[in-house]
Amino acid sequence: MLDAYETIELFGLTETADDLPIPCDDTLRDKIVRETFEGLFAEMQGTGLRAEIEPLAHGLASVLFRRRNALETERERAVETIQGLIRAADGSEVLEMQLEQAQAKAERLGDILDGLEVMA
């Protein structure tokens, strides 16, 4: 039997996936969230753990909101970095590349934030 950390490693959740697409809202809402709830709570129905489904489901929503807040802070820092790079722009390729990377990071974080908002 795998513990939670072994399961995380099994699903590759320890690596980044910056180049993978963010699922559309319908997929997030209708498939990912529904299947997550079914996977986590379906086997608890009809057992002595049934009463725990609602508090655990609220806890999952809280985790999504906390993660969203942490990513919002990270996105704000990325925007501040962009503003600093714009002010320091001197036409060099190095600064231009840093600016492009910071903009891509901020945009990606915005997409992830939107996805987490839908899921929460």
C-alpha atoms as a PDB file:
ATOM      1  CA  MET A   1       0.000   0.000   0.000  1.00  0.00           C
ATOM      2  CA  LEU A   2       1.395   3.394  -0.985  1.00  0.00           C
ATOM      3  CA  ASP A   3       1.467   6.247   1.470  1.00  0.00           C
ATOM      4  CA  ALA A   4       0.547   9.794   0.394  1.00  0.00           C
ATOM      5  CA  TYR A   5       4.127  10.815  -0.420  1.00  0.00           C
ATOM      6  CA  GLU A   6       4.761   7.727  -2.533  1.00  0.00           C
ATOM      7  CA  THR A   7       1.529   8.427  -4.394  1.00  0.00           C
ATOM      8  CA  ILE A   8       2.645  11.994  -5.094  1.00  0.00           C
ATOM      9  CA  GLU A   9       5.913  10.691  -6.526  1.00  0.00           C
ATOM     10  CA  LEU A  10       4.049   8.041  -8.533  1.00  0.00           C
ATOM     11  CA  PHE A  11       1.938  10.692 -10.255  1.00  0.00           C
ATOM     12  CA  GLY A  12       4.974  12.893 -10.903  1.00  0.00           C
ATOM     13  CA  LEU A  13       3.701  15.751  -8.798  1.00  0.00           C
ATOM     14  CA  THR A  14       7.211  16.665  -7.664  1.00  0.00           C
ATOM     15  CA  GLU A  15       8.184  18.097 -11.050  1.00  0.00           C
ATOM     16  CA  THR A  16       7.106  21.292 -12.768  1.00  0.00           C
ATOM     17  CA  ALA A  17       4.903  21.317 -15.850  1.00  0.00           C
ATOM     18  CA  ASP A  18       5.337  24.851 -17.163  1.00  0.00           C
ATOM     19  CA  ASP A  19       4.853  23.834 -20.783  1.00  0.00           C
ATOM     20  CA  LEU A  20       1.663  21.811 -20.297  1.00  0.00           C
ATOM     21  CA  PRO A  21      -1.700  23.400 -21.131  1.00  0.00           C
ATOM     22  CA  ILE A  22      -4.186  24.462 -18.460  1.00  0.00           C
ATOM     23  CA  PRO A  23      -7.468  22.555 -18.910  1.00  0.00           C
ATOM     24  CA  CYS A  24     -10.531  24.533 -19.968  1.00  0.00           C
ATOM     25  CA  ASP A  25     -13.082  25.572 -17.334  1.00  0.00           C
ATOM     26  CA  ASP A  26     -15.531  22.828 -18.295  1.00  0.00           C
ATOM     27  CA  THR A  27     -12.859  20.161 -17.894  1.00  0.00           C
ATOM     28  CA  LEU A  28     -11.763  21.621 -14.563  1.00  0.00           C
ATOM     29  CA  ARG A  29     -15.275  21.828 -13.201  1.00  0.00           C
ATOM     30  CA  ASP A  30     -16.966  18.830 -14.772  1.00  0.00           C
ATOM     31  CA  LYS A  31     -14.186  16.286 -14.908  1.00  0.00           C
ATOM     32  CA  ILE A  32     -11.255  17.074 -12.635  1.00  0.00           C
ATOM     33  CA  VAL A  33     -13.217  18.295  -9.620  1.00  0.00           C
ATOM     34  CA  ARG A  34     -15.977  15.694 -10.001  1.00  0.00           C
ATOM     35  CA  GLU A  35     -13.503  12.838 -10.404  1.00  0.00           C
ATOM     36  CA  THR A  36     -11.412  14.130  -7.511  1.00  0.00           C
ATOM     37  CA  PHE A  37     -14.445  14.145  -5.229  1.00  0.00           C
ATOM     38  CA  GLU A  38     -15.558  10.737  -6.455  1.00  0.00           C
ATOM     39  CA  GLY A  39     -12.078   9.314  -5.981  1.00  0.00           C
ATOM     40  CA  LEU A  40     -11.664  10.758  -2.509  1.00  0.00           C
ATOM     41  CA  PHE A  41     -15.136  10.329  -1.104  1.00  0.00           C
ATOM     42  CA  ALA A  42     -17.139   7.695  -3.031  1.00  0.00           C
ATOM     43  CA  GLU A  43     -15.831   4.796  -0.968  1.00  0.00           C
ATOM     44  CA  MET A  44     -16.718   6.663   2.228  1.00  0.00           C
ATOM     45  CA  GLN A  45     -20.434   6.636   1.334  1.00  0.00           C
ATOM     46  CA  GLY A  46     -22.304   4.005   3.295  1.00  0.00           C
ATOM     47  CA  THR A  47     -19.553   3.666   5.896  1.00  0.00           C
ATOM     48  CA  GLY A  48     -18.921   5.080   9.341  1.00  0.00           C
ATOM     49  CA  LEU A  49     -16.766   7.731   7.654  1.00  0.00           C
ATOM     50  CA  ARG A  50     -19.692   9.235   5.722  1.00  0.00           C
ATOM     51  CA  ALA A  51     -20.026  12.073   8.232  1.00  0.00           C
ATOM     52  CA  GLU A  52     -16.458  13.109   7.423  1.00  0.00           C
ATOM     53  CA  ILE A  53     -17.119  13.738   3.742  1.00  0.00           C
ATOM     54  CA  GLU A  54     -18.435  17.279   4.165  1.00  0.00           C
ATOM     55  CA  PRO A  55     -15.632  18.547   6.456  1.00  0.00           C
ATOM     56  CA  LEU A  56     -13.001  16.936   4.231  1.00  0.00           C
ATOM     57  CA  ALA A  57     -14.577  18.445   1.113  1.00  0.00           C
ATOM     58  CA  HIS A  58     -14.554  21.886   2.740  1.00  0.00           C
ATOM     59  CA  GLY A  59     -10.928  21.284   3.675  1.00  0.00           C
ATOM     60  CA  LEU A  60     -10.098  20.512   0.043  1.00  0.00           C
ATOM     61  CA  ALA A  61     -11.736  23.761  -1.065  1.00  0.00           C
ATOM     62  CA  SER A  62      -9.740  25.617   1.614  1.00  0.00           C
ATOM     63  CA  VAL A  63      -6.519  24.079   0.324  1.00  0.00           C
ATOM     64  CA  LEU A  64      -7.343  25.295  -3.190  1.00  0.00           C
ATOM     65  CA  PHE A  65      -8.002  28.830  -1.907  1.00  0.00           C
ATOM     66  CA  ARG A  66      -4.787  28.865   0.142  1.00  0.00           C
ATOM     67  CA  ARG A  67      -2.792  27.682  -2.855  1.00  0.00           C
ATOM     68  CA  ARG A  68      -4.464  30.326  -4.985  1.00  0.00           C
ATOM     69  CA  ASN A  69      -3.508  33.019  -2.467  1.00  0.00           C
ATOM     70  CA  ALA A  70       0.115  31.824  -2.410  1.00  0.00           C
ATOM     71  CA  LEU A  71       0.253  31.889  -6.203  1.00  0.00           C
ATOM     72  CA  GLU A  72      -1.329  35.349  -6.259  1.00  0.00           C
ATOM     73  CA  THR A  73       1.514  36.592  -4.066  1.00  0.00           C
ATOM     74  CA  GLU A  74       4.027  34.941  -6.395  1.00  0.00           C
ATOM     75  CA  ARG A  75       2.338  36.558  -9.389  1.00  0.00           C
ATOM     76  CA  GLU A  76       2.463  39.981  -7.734  1.00  0.00           C
ATOM     77  CA  ARG A  77       6.217  39.502  -7.229  1.00  0.00           C
ATOM     78  CA  ALA A  78       6.575  38.557 -10.891  1.00  0.00           C
ATOM     79  CA  VAL A  79       4.734  41.730 -11.913  1.00  0.00           C
ATOM     80  CA  GLU A  80       7.044  43.783  -9.679  1.00  0.00           C
ATOM     81  CA  THR A  81      10.022  42.102 -11.347  1.00  0.00           C
ATOM     82  CA  ILE A  82       8.605  43.011 -14.752  1.00  0.00           C
ATOM     83  CA  GLN A  83       8.180  46.635 -13.700  1.00  0.00           C
ATOM     84  CA  GLY A  84      11.764  46.735 -12.417  1.00  0.00           C
ATOM     85  CA  LEU A  85      13.104  45.224 -15.628  1.00  0.00           C
ATOM     86  CA  ILE A  86      11.141  47.744 -17.701  1.00  0.00           C
ATOM     87  CA  ARG A  87      12.605  50.608 -15.663  1.00  0.00           C
ATOM     88  CA  ALA A  88      16.113  49.161 -16.051  1.00  0.00           C
ATOM     89  CA  ALA A  89      15.732  48.458 -19.771  1.00  0.00           C
ATOM     90  CA  ASP A  90      18.865  49.449 -21.618  1.00  0.00           C
ATOM     91  CA  GLY A  91      18.321  47.544 -24.847  1.00  0.00           C
ATOM     92  CA  SER A  92      20.553  44.642 -23.864  1.00  0.00           C
ATOM     93  CA  GLU A  93      19.568  41.143 -24.888  1.00  0.00           C
ATOM     94  CA  VAL A  94      20.037  39.868 -21.344  1.00  0.00           C
ATOM     95  CA  LEU A  95      17.446  42.251 -19.903  1.00  0.00           C
ATOM     96  CA  GLU A  96      15.091  41.607 -22.797  1.00  0.00           C
ATOM     97  CA  MET A  97      15.333  37.853 -22.188  1.00  0.00           C
ATOM     98  CA  GLN A  98      14.757  38.323 -18.458  1.00  0.00           C
ATOM     99  CA  LEU A  99      11.739  40.505 -19.221  1.00  0.00           C
ATOM    100  CA  GLU A 100      10.286  37.901 -21.593  1.00  0.00           C
ATOM    101  CA  GLN A 101      10.793  35.146 -19.000  1.00  0.00           C
ATOM    102  CA  ALA A 102       9.198  37.241 -16.246  1.00  0.00           C
ATOM    103  CA  GLN A 103       6.231  38.071 -18.486  1.00  0.00           C
ATOM    104  CA  ALA A 104       5.759  34.399 -19.407  1.00  0.00           C
ATOM    105  CA  LYS A 105       5.911  33.452 -15.722  1.00  0.00           C
ATOM    106  CA  ALA A 106       3.335  36.085 -14.741  1.00  0.00           C
ATOM    107  CA  GLU A 107       1.021  35.008 -17.569  1.00  0.00           C
ATOM    108  CA  ARG A 108       1.352  31.335 -16.633  1.00  0.00           C
ATOM    109  CA  LEU A 109       0.631  32.118 -12.982  1.00  0.00           C
ATOM    110  CA  GLY A 110      -2.467  34.048 -14.068  1.00  0.00           C
ATOM    111  CA  ASP A 111      -3.693  31.021 -16.025  1.00  0.00           C
ATOM    112  CA  ILE A 112      -3.063  28.710 -13.064  1.00  0.00           C
ATOM    113  CA  LEU A 113      -4.855  31.143 -10.737  1.00  0.00           C
ATOM    114  CA  ASP A 114      -7.876  31.156 -13.037  1.00  0.00           C
ATOM    115  CA  GLY A 115      -7.911  27.361 -13.061  1.00  0.00           C
ATOM    116  CA  LEU A 116      -7.691  27.105  -9.287  1.00  0.00           C
ATOM    117  CA  GLU A 117     -10.486  29.638  -8.944  1.00  0.00           C
ATOM    118  CA  VAL A 118     -12.756  27.504 -11.108  1.00  0.00           C
ATOM    119  CA  MET A 119     -11.856  24.362  -9.164  1.00  0.00           C
ATOM    120  CA  ALA A 120     -12.382  26.003  -5.768  1.00  0.00           C
END
